[in-house]
């Protein structure tokens, strides 16, 4: 959403759940985000979608061309992905029913 806003890209947004038939049909991983292109192909995973959108509209350039700058952006991307993975794991853990200790 941030890249779409920064780039001024006009598109149709749908807040479909990963379990929706539209997402399942487009993405074999059944995960969001999923970007469905005009030709019907789907892109999934935030990093791929961002790379695509950055190349779709020239300015502002969000992923640098220079190697060192690009690696720094990718390093921060990996950190963000790790933080989100940890947040999802914690969320899932908190949803699991509490186990009752065995009484002796």
PDB file of N, CA and C in Angstrom:
ATOM      1  N   UNK A   1       0.823  -1.191   0.000  1.00  0.00           N
ATOM      2  CA  UNK A   1       0.000   0.000   0.000  1.00  0.00           C
ATOM      3  C   UNK A   1       0.872   1.261   0.000  1.00  0.00           C
ATOM      4  N   UNK A   2       1.968   1.228   0.751  1.00  0.00           N
ATOM      5  CA  UNK A   2       2.857   2.391   0.813  1.00  0.00           C
ATOM      6  C   UNK A   2       3.465   2.656  -0.556  1.00  0.00           C
ATOM      7  N   UNK A   3       3.928   1.611  -1.231  1.00  0.00           N
ATOM      8  CA  UNK A   3       4.550   1.784  -2.550  1.00  0.00           C
ATOM      9  C   UNK A   3       3.522   2.304  -3.557  1.00  0.00           C
ATOM     10  N   UNK A   4       2.325   1.766  -3.524  1.00  0.00           N
ATOM     11  CA  UNK A   4       1.262   2.222  -4.431  1.00  0.00           C
ATOM     12  C   UNK A   4       1.004   3.707  -4.213  1.00  0.00           C
ATOM     13  N   UNK A   5       0.953   4.130  -2.961  1.00  0.00           N
ATOM     14  CA  UNK A   5       0.725   5.538  -2.640  1.00  0.00           C
ATOM     15  C   UNK A   5       1.908   6.398  -3.081  1.00  0.00           C
ATOM     16  N   UNK A   6       3.129   5.976  -2.726  1.00  0.00           N
ATOM     17  CA  UNK A   6       4.331   6.746  -3.075  1.00  0.00           C
ATOM     18  C   UNK A   6       4.486   6.903  -4.579  1.00  0.00           C
ATOM     19  N   UNK A   7       4.151   5.869  -5.324  1.00  0.00           N
ATOM     20  CA  UNK A   7       4.306   5.879  -6.779  1.00  0.00           C
ATOM     21  C   UNK A   7       3.117   6.513  -7.492  1.00  0.00           C
ATOM     22  N   UNK A   8       2.021   6.746  -6.768  1.00  0.00           N
ATOM     23  CA  UNK A   8       0.825   7.317  -7.383  1.00  0.00           C
ATOM     24  C   UNK A   8       0.159   6.347  -8.348  1.00  0.00           C
ATOM     25  N   UNK A   9       0.249   5.062  -8.058  1.00  0.00           N
ATOM     26  CA  UNK A   9      -0.323   4.043  -8.936  1.00  0.00           C
ATOM     27  C   UNK A   9      -1.814   3.912  -8.640  1.00  0.00           C
ATOM     28  N   UNK A  10      -2.592   3.952  -9.715  1.00  0.00           N
ATOM     29  CA  UNK A  10      -4.038   3.780  -9.597  1.00  0.00           C
ATOM     30  C   UNK A  10      -4.339   2.308  -9.836  1.00  0.00           C
ATOM     31  N   UNK A  11      -4.987   1.698  -8.877  1.00  0.00           N
ATOM     32  CA  UNK A  11      -5.337   0.286  -9.031  1.00  0.00           C
ATOM     33  C   UNK A  11      -6.542  -0.028  -8.163  1.00  0.00           C
ATOM     34  N   UNK A  12      -7.113  -1.181  -8.413  1.00  0.00           N
ATOM     35  CA  UNK A  12      -8.242  -1.646  -7.610  1.00  0.00           C
ATOM     36  C   UNK A  12      -7.686  -2.462  -6.450  1.00  0.00           C
ATOM     37  N   UNK A  13      -8.074  -2.102  -5.246  1.00  0.00           N
ATOM     38  CA  UNK A  13      -7.609  -2.809  -4.059  1.00  0.00           C
ATOM     39  C   UNK A  13      -8.757  -3.626  -3.479  1.00  0.00           C
ATOM     40  N   UNK A  14      -8.425  -4.820  -3.046  1.00  0.00           N
ATOM     41  CA  UNK A  14      -9.412  -5.711  -2.444  1.00  0.00           C
ATOM     42  C   UNK A  14      -8.793  -6.257  -1.166  1.00  0.00           C
ATOM     43  N   UNK A  15      -9.516  -6.188  -0.087  1.00  0.00           N
ATOM     44  CA  UNK A  15      -8.970  -6.666   1.187  1.00  0.00           C
ATOM     45  C   UNK A  15      -9.373  -8.123   1.455  1.00  0.00           C
ATOM     46  N   UNK A  16      -9.221  -8.946   0.438  1.00  0.00           N
ATOM     47  CA  UNK A  16      -9.589 -10.364   0.541  1.00  0.00           C
ATOM     48  C   UNK A  16      -8.719 -11.089   1.555  1.00  0.00           C
ATOM     49  N   UNK A  17      -9.328 -12.010   2.251  1.00  0.00           N
ATOM     50  CA  UNK A  17      -8.614 -12.847   3.215  1.00  0.00           C
ATOM     51  C   UNK A  17      -7.840 -13.921   2.464  1.00  0.00           C
ATOM     52  N   UNK A  18      -6.759 -14.439   3.061  1.00  0.00           N
ATOM     53  CA  UNK A  18      -6.002 -15.506   2.397  1.00  0.00           C
ATOM     54  C   UNK A  18      -6.869 -16.719   2.044  1.00  0.00           C
ATOM     55  N   UNK A  19      -7.913 -16.935   2.803  1.00  0.00           N
ATOM     56  CA  UNK A  19      -8.782 -18.090   2.556  1.00  0.00           C
ATOM     57  C   UNK A  19      -9.838 -17.833   1.479  1.00  0.00           C
ATOM     58  N   UNK A  20      -9.872 -16.614   0.919  1.00  0.00           N
ATOM     59  CA  UNK A  20     -10.880 -16.312  -0.099  1.00  0.00           C
ATOM     60  C   UNK A  20     -10.594 -17.086  -1.385  1.00  0.00           C
ATOM     61  N   UNK A  21     -11.629 -17.393  -2.114  1.00  0.00           N
ATOM     62  CA  UNK A  21     -11.470 -18.159  -3.359  1.00  0.00           C
ATOM     63  C   UNK A  21     -10.612 -17.406  -4.368  1.00  0.00           C
ATOM     64  N   UNK A  22     -10.690 -16.080  -4.378  1.00  0.00           N
ATOM     65  CA  UNK A  22      -9.901 -15.269  -5.316  1.00  0.00           C
ATOM     66  C   UNK A  22      -8.406 -15.411  -5.026  1.00  0.00           C
ATOM     67  N   UNK A  23      -8.015 -15.343  -3.769  1.00  0.00           N
ATOM     68  CA  UNK A  23      -6.597 -15.474  -3.410  1.00  0.00           C
ATOM     69  C   UNK A  23      -6.122 -16.897  -3.670  1.00  0.00           C
ATOM     70  N   UNK A  24      -6.899 -17.884  -3.273  1.00  0.00           N
ATOM     71  CA  UNK A  24      -6.524 -19.288  -3.476  1.00  0.00           C
ATOM     72  C   UNK A  24      -6.348 -19.595  -4.958  1.00  0.00           C
ATOM     73  N   UNK A  25      -7.209 -19.046  -5.802  1.00  0.00           N
ATOM     74  CA  UNK A  25      -7.117 -19.285  -7.249  1.00  0.00           C
ATOM     75  C   UNK A  25      -5.885 -18.618  -7.854  1.00  0.00           C
ATOM     76  N   UNK A  26      -5.482 -17.466  -7.307  1.00  0.00           N
ATOM     77  CA  UNK A  26      -4.373 -16.702  -7.888  1.00  0.00           C
ATOM     78  C   UNK A  26      -3.017 -17.082  -7.316  1.00  0.00           C
ATOM     79  N   UNK A  27      -2.987 -17.530  -6.058  1.00  0.00           N
ATOM     80  CA  UNK A  27      -1.732 -17.734  -5.360  1.00  0.00           C
ATOM     81  C   UNK A  27      -1.673 -19.149  -4.787  1.00  0.00           C
ATOM     82  N   UNK A  28      -0.770 -19.980  -5.296  1.00  0.00           N
ATOM     83  CA  UNK A  28      -0.685 -21.353  -4.799  1.00  0.00           C
ATOM     84  C   UNK A  28      -0.296 -21.435  -3.318  1.00  0.00           C
ATOM     85  N   UNK A  29       0.238 -20.348  -2.763  1.00  0.00           N
ATOM     86  CA  UNK A  29       0.587 -20.319  -1.350  1.00  0.00           C
ATOM     87  C   UNK A  29      -0.591 -19.881  -0.479  1.00  0.00           C
ATOM     88  N   UNK A  30      -1.670 -19.377  -1.120  1.00  0.00           N
ATOM     89  CA  UNK A  30      -2.862 -18.880  -0.425  1.00  0.00           C
ATOM     90  C   UNK A  30      -2.484 -17.886   0.673  1.00  0.00           C
ATOM     91  N   UNK A  31      -1.669 -16.888   0.285  1.00  0.00           N
ATOM     92  CA  UNK A  31      -1.216 -15.872   1.233  1.00  0.00           C
ATOM     93  C   UNK A  31      -1.447 -14.493   0.644  1.00  0.00           C
ATOM     94  N   UNK A  32      -1.537 -13.515   1.499  1.00  0.00           N
ATOM     95  CA  UNK A  32      -1.577 -12.131   1.070  1.00  0.00           C
ATOM     96  C   UNK A  32      -0.286 -11.469   1.528  1.00  0.00           C
ATOM     97  N   UNK A  33       0.203 -10.484   0.798  1.00  0.00           N
ATOM     98  CA  UNK A  33      -0.434  -9.859  -0.347  1.00  0.00           C
ATOM     99  C   UNK A  33      -0.250 -10.671  -1.628  1.00  0.00           C
ATOM    100  N   UNK A  34      -1.217 -10.515  -2.502  1.00  0.00           N
ATOM    101  CA  UNK A  34      -1.167 -11.072  -3.849  1.00  0.00           C
ATOM    102  C   UNK A  34      -1.569  -9.964  -4.795  1.00  0.00           C
ATOM    103  N   UNK A  35      -0.768  -9.734  -5.819  1.00  0.00           N
ATOM    104  CA  UNK A  35      -1.070  -8.720  -6.827  1.00  0.00           C
ATOM    105  C   UNK A  35      -1.444  -9.427  -8.110  1.00  0.00           C
ATOM    106  N   UNK A  36      -2.663  -9.220  -8.576  1.00  0.00           N
ATOM    107  CA  UNK A  36      -3.116  -9.831  -9.822  1.00  0.00           C
ATOM    108  C   UNK A  36      -2.955  -8.789 -10.926  1.00  0.00           C
ATOM    109  N   UNK A  37      -2.118  -9.120 -11.898  1.00  0.00           N
ATOM    110  CA  UNK A  37      -1.817  -8.207 -13.002  1.00  0.00           C
ATOM    111  C   UNK A  37      -2.950  -8.196 -14.019  1.00  0.00           C
ATOM    112  N   UNK A  38      -2.947  -7.196 -14.889  1.00  0.00           N
ATOM    113  CA  UNK A  38      -3.995  -7.077 -15.910  1.00  0.00           C
ATOM    114  C   UNK A  38      -4.074  -8.301 -16.814  1.00  0.00           C
ATOM    115  N   UNK A  39      -2.946  -8.988 -17.033  1.00  0.00           N
ATOM    116  CA  UNK A  39      -2.957 -10.165 -17.900  1.00  0.00           C
ATOM    117  C   UNK A  39      -3.365 -11.438 -17.162  1.00  0.00           C
ATOM    118  N   UNK A  40      -3.727 -11.305 -15.860  1.00  0.00           N
ATOM    119  CA  UNK A  40      -4.197 -12.441 -15.088  1.00  0.00           C
ATOM    120  C   UNK A  40      -3.122 -13.135 -14.261  1.00  0.00           C
ATOM    121  N   UNK A  41      -1.849 -12.875 -14.564  1.00  0.00           N
ATOM    122  CA  UNK A  41      -0.784 -13.466 -13.738  1.00  0.00           C
ATOM    123  C   UNK A  41      -0.825 -12.850 -12.350  1.00  0.00           C
ATOM    124  N   UNK A  42      -0.355 -13.618 -11.379  1.00  0.00           N
ATOM    125  CA  UNK A  42      -0.335 -13.118 -10.008  1.00  0.00           C
ATOM    126  C   UNK A  42       1.098 -13.056  -9.495  1.00  0.00           C
ATOM    127  N   UNK A  43       1.372 -12.008  -8.745  1.00  0.00           N
ATOM    128  CA  UNK A  43       2.648 -11.878  -8.039  1.00  0.00           C
ATOM    129  C   UNK A  43       2.339 -11.993  -6.562  1.00  0.00           C
ATOM    130  N   UNK A  44       3.171 -12.724  -5.837  1.00  0.00           N
ATOM    131  CA  UNK A  44       2.977 -12.872  -4.405  1.00  0.00           C
ATOM    132  C   UNK A  44       4.312 -12.734  -3.719  1.00  0.00           C
ATOM    133  N   UNK A  45       4.239 -12.337  -2.482  1.00  0.00           N
ATOM    134  CA  UNK A  45       5.357 -11.991  -1.623  1.00  0.00           C
ATOM    135  C   UNK A  45       5.638 -10.497  -1.786  1.00  0.00           C
ATOM    136  N   UNK A  46       5.659  -9.824  -0.668  1.00  0.00           N
ATOM    137  CA  UNK A  46       5.832  -8.361  -0.673  1.00  0.00           C
ATOM    138  C   UNK A  46       7.051  -7.909  -1.446  1.00  0.00           C
ATOM    139  N   UNK A  47       8.181  -8.594  -1.286  1.00  0.00           N
ATOM    140  CA  UNK A  47       9.411  -8.139  -1.946  1.00  0.00           C
ATOM    141  C   UNK A  47       9.291  -8.184  -3.468  1.00  0.00           C
ATOM    142  N   UNK A  48       8.629  -9.197  -4.003  1.00  0.00           N
ATOM    143  CA  UNK A  48       8.441  -9.299  -5.459  1.00  0.00           C
ATOM    144  C   UNK A  48       7.473  -8.231  -5.938  1.00  0.00           C
ATOM    145  N   UNK A  49       6.388  -8.034  -5.193  1.00  0.00           N
ATOM    146  CA  UNK A  49       5.399  -7.016  -5.569  1.00  0.00           C
ATOM    147  C   UNK A  49       6.031  -5.636  -5.555  1.00  0.00           C
ATOM    148  N   UNK A  50       6.823  -5.334  -4.536  1.00  0.00           N
ATOM    149  CA  UNK A  50       7.473  -4.023  -4.450  1.00  0.00           C
ATOM    150  C   UNK A  50       8.446  -3.828  -5.604  1.00  0.00           C
ATOM    151  N   UNK A  51       9.235  -4.846  -5.903  1.00  0.00           N
ATOM    152  CA  UNK A  51      10.188  -4.767  -7.027  1.00  0.00           C
ATOM    153  C   UNK A  51       9.442  -4.479  -8.333  1.00  0.00           C
ATOM    154  N   UNK A  52       8.333  -5.166  -8.536  1.00  0.00           N
ATOM    155  CA  UNK A  52       7.520  -4.968  -9.747  1.00  0.00           C
ATOM    156  C   UNK A  52       6.982  -3.537  -9.805  1.00  0.00           C
ATOM    157  N   UNK A  53       6.368  -3.074  -8.712  1.00  0.00           N
ATOM    158  CA  UNK A  53       5.777  -1.735  -8.698  1.00  0.00           C
ATOM    159  C   UNK A  53       6.839  -0.652  -8.850  1.00  0.00           C
ATOM    160  N   UNK A  54       8.023  -0.859  -8.285  1.00  0.00           N
ATOM    161  CA  UNK A  54       9.095   0.124  -8.409  1.00  0.00           C
ATOM    162  C   UNK A  54       9.557   0.241  -9.864  1.00  0.00           C
ATOM    163  N   UNK A  55       9.551  -0.880 -10.574  1.00  0.00           N
ATOM    164  CA  UNK A  55       9.933  -0.852 -11.978  1.00  0.00           C
ATOM    165  C   UNK A  55       8.824  -0.384 -12.902  1.00  0.00           C
ATOM    166  N   UNK A  56       7.587  -0.479 -12.439  1.00  0.00           N
ATOM    167  CA  UNK A  56       6.434  -0.102 -13.255  1.00  0.00           C
ATOM    168  C   UNK A  56       6.360   1.401 -13.470  1.00  0.00           C
ATOM    169  N   UNK A  57       6.665   2.156 -12.429  1.00  0.00           N
ATOM    170  CA  UNK A  57       6.628   3.617 -12.475  1.00  0.00           C
ATOM    171  C   UNK A  57       8.021   4.115 -12.108  1.00  0.00           C
ATOM    172  N   UNK A  58       8.615   4.903 -13.002  1.00  0.00           N
ATOM    173  CA  UNK A  58      10.023   5.289 -12.849  1.00  0.00           C
ATOM    174  C   UNK A  58      10.321   6.105 -11.591  1.00  0.00           C
ATOM    175  N   UNK A  59       9.483   7.067 -11.288  1.00  0.00           N
ATOM    176  CA  UNK A  59       9.807   7.970 -10.178  1.00  0.00           C
ATOM    177  C   UNK A  59       8.646   8.057  -9.208  1.00  0.00           C
ATOM    178  N   UNK A  60       8.890   8.180  -7.937  1.00  0.00           N
ATOM    179  CA  UNK A  60      10.196   8.156  -7.302  1.00  0.00           C
ATOM    180  C   UNK A  60      10.747   6.733  -7.259  1.00  0.00           C
ATOM    181  N   UNK A  61      12.054   6.615  -7.387  1.00  0.00           N
ATOM    182  CA  UNK A  61      12.729   5.317  -7.338  1.00  0.00           C
ATOM    183  C   UNK A  61      12.888   4.922  -5.877  1.00  0.00           C
ATOM    184  N   UNK A  62      12.326   3.772  -5.507  1.00  0.00           N
ATOM    185  CA  UNK A  62      12.366   3.336  -4.112  1.00  0.00           C
ATOM    186  C   UNK A  62      13.456   2.313  -3.843  1.00  0.00           C
ATOM    187  N   UNK A  63      13.831   1.550  -4.851  1.00  0.00           N
ATOM    188  CA  UNK A  63      14.912   0.571  -4.715  1.00  0.00           C
ATOM    189  C   UNK A  63      16.077   1.083  -5.555  1.00  0.00           C
ATOM    190  N   UNK A  64      17.173   1.470  -4.910  1.00  0.00           N
ATOM    191  CA  UNK A  64      18.301   2.067  -5.634  1.00  0.00           C
ATOM    192  C   UNK A  64      18.946   1.104  -6.629  1.00  0.00           C
ATOM    193  N   UNK A  65      19.567   1.680  -7.648  1.00  0.00           N
ATOM    194  CA  UNK A  65      20.304   0.889  -8.644  1.00  0.00           C
ATOM    195  C   UNK A  65      21.719   0.575  -8.152  1.00  0.00           C
ATOM    196  N   UNK A  66      22.333   1.516  -7.424  1.00  0.00           N
ATOM    197  CA  UNK A  66      23.707   1.312  -6.952  1.00  0.00           C
ATOM    198  C   UNK A  66      23.750   0.130  -5.998  1.00  0.00           C
ATOM    199  N   UNK A  67      24.730  -0.741  -6.209  1.00  0.00           N
ATOM    200  CA  UNK A  67      24.826  -2.001  -5.490  1.00  0.00           C
ATOM    201  C   UNK A  67      24.749  -1.847  -3.974  1.00  0.00           C
ATOM    202  N   UNK A  68      25.620  -1.027  -3.380  1.00  0.00           N
ATOM    203  CA  UNK A  68      25.674  -0.884  -1.925  1.00  0.00           C
ATOM    204  C   UNK A  68      24.359  -0.342  -1.372  1.00  0.00           C
ATOM    205  N   UNK A  69      23.766   0.634  -2.053  1.00  0.00           N
ATOM    206  CA  UNK A  69      22.494   1.204  -1.610  1.00  0.00           C
ATOM    207  C   UNK A  69      21.374   0.171  -1.722  1.00  0.00           C
ATOM    208  N   UNK A  70      21.394  -0.597  -2.806  1.00  0.00           N
ATOM    209  CA  UNK A  70      20.389  -1.638  -3.019  1.00  0.00           C
ATOM    210  C   UNK A  70      20.477  -2.714  -1.930  1.00  0.00           C
ATOM    211  N   UNK A  71      21.703  -3.123  -1.598  1.00  0.00           N
ATOM    212  CA  UNK A  71      21.900  -4.131  -0.564  1.00  0.00           C
ATOM    213  C   UNK A  71      21.397  -3.613   0.779  1.00  0.00           C
ATOM    214  N   UNK A  72      21.610  -2.339   1.072  1.00  0.00           N
ATOM    215  CA  UNK A  72      21.111  -1.761   2.326  1.00  0.00           C
ATOM    216  C   UNK A  72      19.588  -1.817   2.371  1.00  0.00           C
ATOM    217  N   UNK A  73      18.919  -1.501   1.268  1.00  0.00           N
ATOM    218  CA  UNK A  73      17.456  -1.587   1.210  1.00  0.00           C
ATOM    219  C   UNK A  73      17.013  -3.036   1.410  1.00  0.00           C
ATOM    220  N   UNK A  74      17.694  -3.970   0.754  1.00  0.00           N
ATOM    221  CA  UNK A  74      17.342  -5.385   0.885  1.00  0.00           C
ATOM    222  C   UNK A  74      17.608  -5.894   2.308  1.00  0.00           C
ATOM    223  N   UNK A  75      18.658  -5.382   2.963  1.00  0.00           N
ATOM    224  CA  UNK A  75      18.953  -5.755   4.336  1.00  0.00           C
ATOM    225  C   UNK A  75      17.817  -5.317   5.258  1.00  0.00           C
ATOM    226  N   UNK A  76      17.353  -4.097   5.067  1.00  0.00           N
ATOM    227  CA  UNK A  76      16.239  -3.593   5.873  1.00  0.00           C
ATOM    228  C   UNK A  76      14.952  -4.365   5.568  1.00  0.00           C
ATOM    229  N   UNK A  77      14.785  -4.728   4.319  1.00  0.00           N
ATOM    230  CA  UNK A  77      13.626  -5.537   3.925  1.00  0.00           C
ATOM    231  C   UNK A  77      13.640  -6.878   4.668  1.00  0.00           C
ATOM    232  N   UNK A  78      14.795  -7.515   4.725  1.00  0.00           N
ATOM    233  CA  UNK A  78      14.918  -8.793   5.428  1.00  0.00           C
ATOM    234  C   UNK A  78      14.617  -8.633   6.918  1.00  0.00           C
ATOM    235  N   UNK A  79      15.071  -7.540   7.519  1.00  0.00           N
ATOM    236  CA  UNK A  79      14.777  -7.272   8.921  1.00  0.00           C
ATOM    237  C   UNK A  79      13.273  -7.108   9.127  1.00  0.00           C
ATOM    238  N   UNK A  80      12.640  -6.329   8.270  1.00  0.00           N
ATOM    239  CA  UNK A  80      11.191  -6.141   8.354  1.00  0.00           C
ATOM    240  C   UNK A  80      10.443  -7.450   8.202  1.00  0.00           C
ATOM    241  N   UNK A  81      10.873  -8.284   7.263  1.00  0.00           N
ATOM    242  CA  UNK A  81      10.238  -9.594   7.080  1.00  0.00           C
ATOM    243  C   UNK A  81      10.396 -10.457   8.327  1.00  0.00           C
ATOM    244  N   UNK A  82      11.579 -10.428   8.925  1.00  0.00           N
ATOM    245  CA  UNK A  82      11.816 -11.207  10.135  1.00  0.00           C
ATOM    246  C   UNK A  82      10.952 -10.742  11.291  1.00  0.00           C
ATOM    247  N   UNK A  83      10.801  -9.433  11.434  1.00  0.00           N
ATOM    248  CA  UNK A  83       9.954  -8.878  12.490  1.00  0.00           C
ATOM    249  C   UNK A  83       8.504  -9.311  12.276  1.00  0.00           C
ATOM    250  N   UNK A  84       8.035  -9.251  11.030  1.00  0.00           N
ATOM    251  CA  UNK A  84       6.657  -9.657  10.745  1.00  0.00           C
ATOM    252  C   UNK A  84       6.466 -11.156  10.979  1.00  0.00           C
ATOM    253  N   UNK A  85       7.437 -11.966  10.599  1.00  0.00           N
ATOM    254  CA  UNK A  85       7.349 -13.410  10.849  1.00  0.00           C
ATOM    255  C   UNK A  85       7.240 -13.684  12.346  1.00  0.00           C
ATOM    256  N   UNK A  86       8.037 -12.973  13.136  1.00  0.00           N
ATOM    257  CA  UNK A  86       7.998 -13.153  14.586  1.00  0.00           C
ATOM    258  C   UNK A  86       6.640 -12.724  15.153  1.00  0.00           C
ATOM    259  N   UNK A  87       6.105 -11.617  14.641  1.00  0.00           N
ATOM    260  CA  UNK A  87       4.799 -11.138  15.114  1.00  0.00           C
ATOM    261  C   UNK A  87       3.700 -12.149  14.794  1.00  0.00           C
ATOM    262  N   UNK A  88       3.743 -12.732  13.618  1.00  0.00           N
ATOM    263  CA  UNK A  88       2.750 -13.740  13.243  1.00  0.00           C
ATOM    264  C   UNK A  88       2.890 -14.971  14.135  1.00  0.00           C
ATOM    265  N   UNK A  89       4.118 -15.391  14.384  1.00  0.00           N
ATOM    266  CA  UNK A  89       4.336 -16.558  15.244  1.00  0.00           C
ATOM    267  C   UNK A  89       3.793 -16.311  16.655  1.00  0.00           C
ATOM    268  N   UNK A  90       4.038 -15.122  17.188  1.00  0.00           N
ATOM    269  CA  UNK A  90       3.528 -14.778  18.520  1.00  0.00           C
ATOM    270  C   UNK A  90       2.003 -14.753  18.509  1.00  0.00           C
ATOM    271  N   UNK A  91       1.430 -14.178  17.471  1.00  0.00           N
ATOM    272  CA  UNK A  91      -0.030 -14.122  17.360  1.00  0.00           C
ATOM    273  C   UNK A  91      -0.626 -15.520  17.324  1.00  0.00           C
ATOM    274  N   UNK A  92      -0.031 -16.400  16.545  1.00  0.00           N
ATOM    275  CA  UNK A  92      -0.529 -17.780  16.453  1.00  0.00           C
ATOM    276  C   UNK A  92      -0.373 -18.495  17.791  1.00  0.00           C
ATOM    277  N   UNK A  93       0.756 -18.267  18.453  1.00  0.00           N
ATOM    278  CA  UNK A  93       1.003 -18.900  19.749  1.00  0.00           C
ATOM    279  C   UNK A  93      -0.031 -18.453  20.782  1.00  0.00           C
ATOM    280  N   UNK A  94      -0.375 -17.173  20.749  1.00  0.00           N
ATOM    281  CA  UNK A  94      -1.347 -16.639  21.709  1.00  0.00           C
ATOM    282  C   UNK A  94      -2.764 -17.133  21.435  1.00  0.00           C
ATOM    283  N   UNK A  95      -3.028 -17.599  20.234  1.00  0.00           N
ATOM    284  CA  UNK A  95      -4.363 -18.106  19.894  1.00  0.00           C
ATOM    285  C   UNK A  95      -4.544 -19.568  20.275  1.00  0.00           C
ATOM    286  N   UNK A  96      -3.459 -20.276  20.506  1.00  0.00           N
ATOM    287  CA  UNK A  96      -3.552 -21.682  20.881  1.00  0.00           C
ATOM    288  C   UNK A  96      -4.130 -21.797  22.281  1.00  0.00           C
ATOM    289  N   UNK A  97      -4.989 -22.802  22.485  1.00  0.00           N
ATOM    290  CA  UNK A  97      -5.546 -22.974  23.834  1.00  0.00           C
ATOM    291  C   UNK A  97      -4.449 -23.314  24.833  1.00  0.00           C
ATOM    292  N   UNK A  98      -4.601 -22.799  26.022  1.00  0.00           N
ATOM    293  CA  UNK A  98      -3.631 -23.077  27.094  1.00  0.00           C
ATOM    294  C   UNK A  98      -3.753 -24.536  27.497  1.00  0.00           C
ATOM    295  N   UNK A  99      -2.603 -25.189  27.676  1.00  0.00           N
ATOM    296  CA  UNK A  99      -2.591 -26.577  28.112  1.00  0.00           C
ATOM    297  C   UNK A  99      -2.679 -26.611  29.629  1.00  0.00           C
ATOM    298  N   UNK A 100      -3.579 -27.466  30.118  1.00  0.00           N
ATOM    299  CA  UNK A 100      -3.708 -27.637  31.571  1.00  0.00           C
ATOM    300  C   UNK A 100      -2.639 -28.601  32.069  1.00  0.00           C
ATOM    301  N   UNK A 101      -1.923 -28.229  33.118  1.00  0.00           N
ATOM    302  CA  UNK A 101      -0.919 -29.154  33.644  1.00  0.00           C
ATOM    303  C   UNK A 101      -1.615 -30.403  34.215  1.00  0.00           C
ATOM    304  N   UNK A 102      -0.978 -31.534  34.050  1.00  0.00           N
ATOM    305  CA  UNK A 102      -1.507 -32.797  34.566  1.00  0.00           C
ATOM    306  C   UNK A 102      -1.488 -32.764  36.085  1.00  0.00           C
ATOM    307  N   UNK A 103      -2.591 -33.197  36.679  1.00  0.00           N
ATOM    308  CA  UNK A 103      -2.622 -33.292  38.141  1.00  0.00           C
ATOM    309  C   UNK A 103      -2.128 -34.668  38.574  1.00  0.00           C
ATOM    310  N   UNK A 104      -1.373 -34.723  39.650  1.00  0.00           N
ATOM    311  CA  UNK A 104      -0.879 -36.016  40.118  1.00  0.00           C
ATOM    312  C   UNK A 104      -1.758 -36.597  41.196  1.00  0.00           C
TER     313      UNK A 104
END
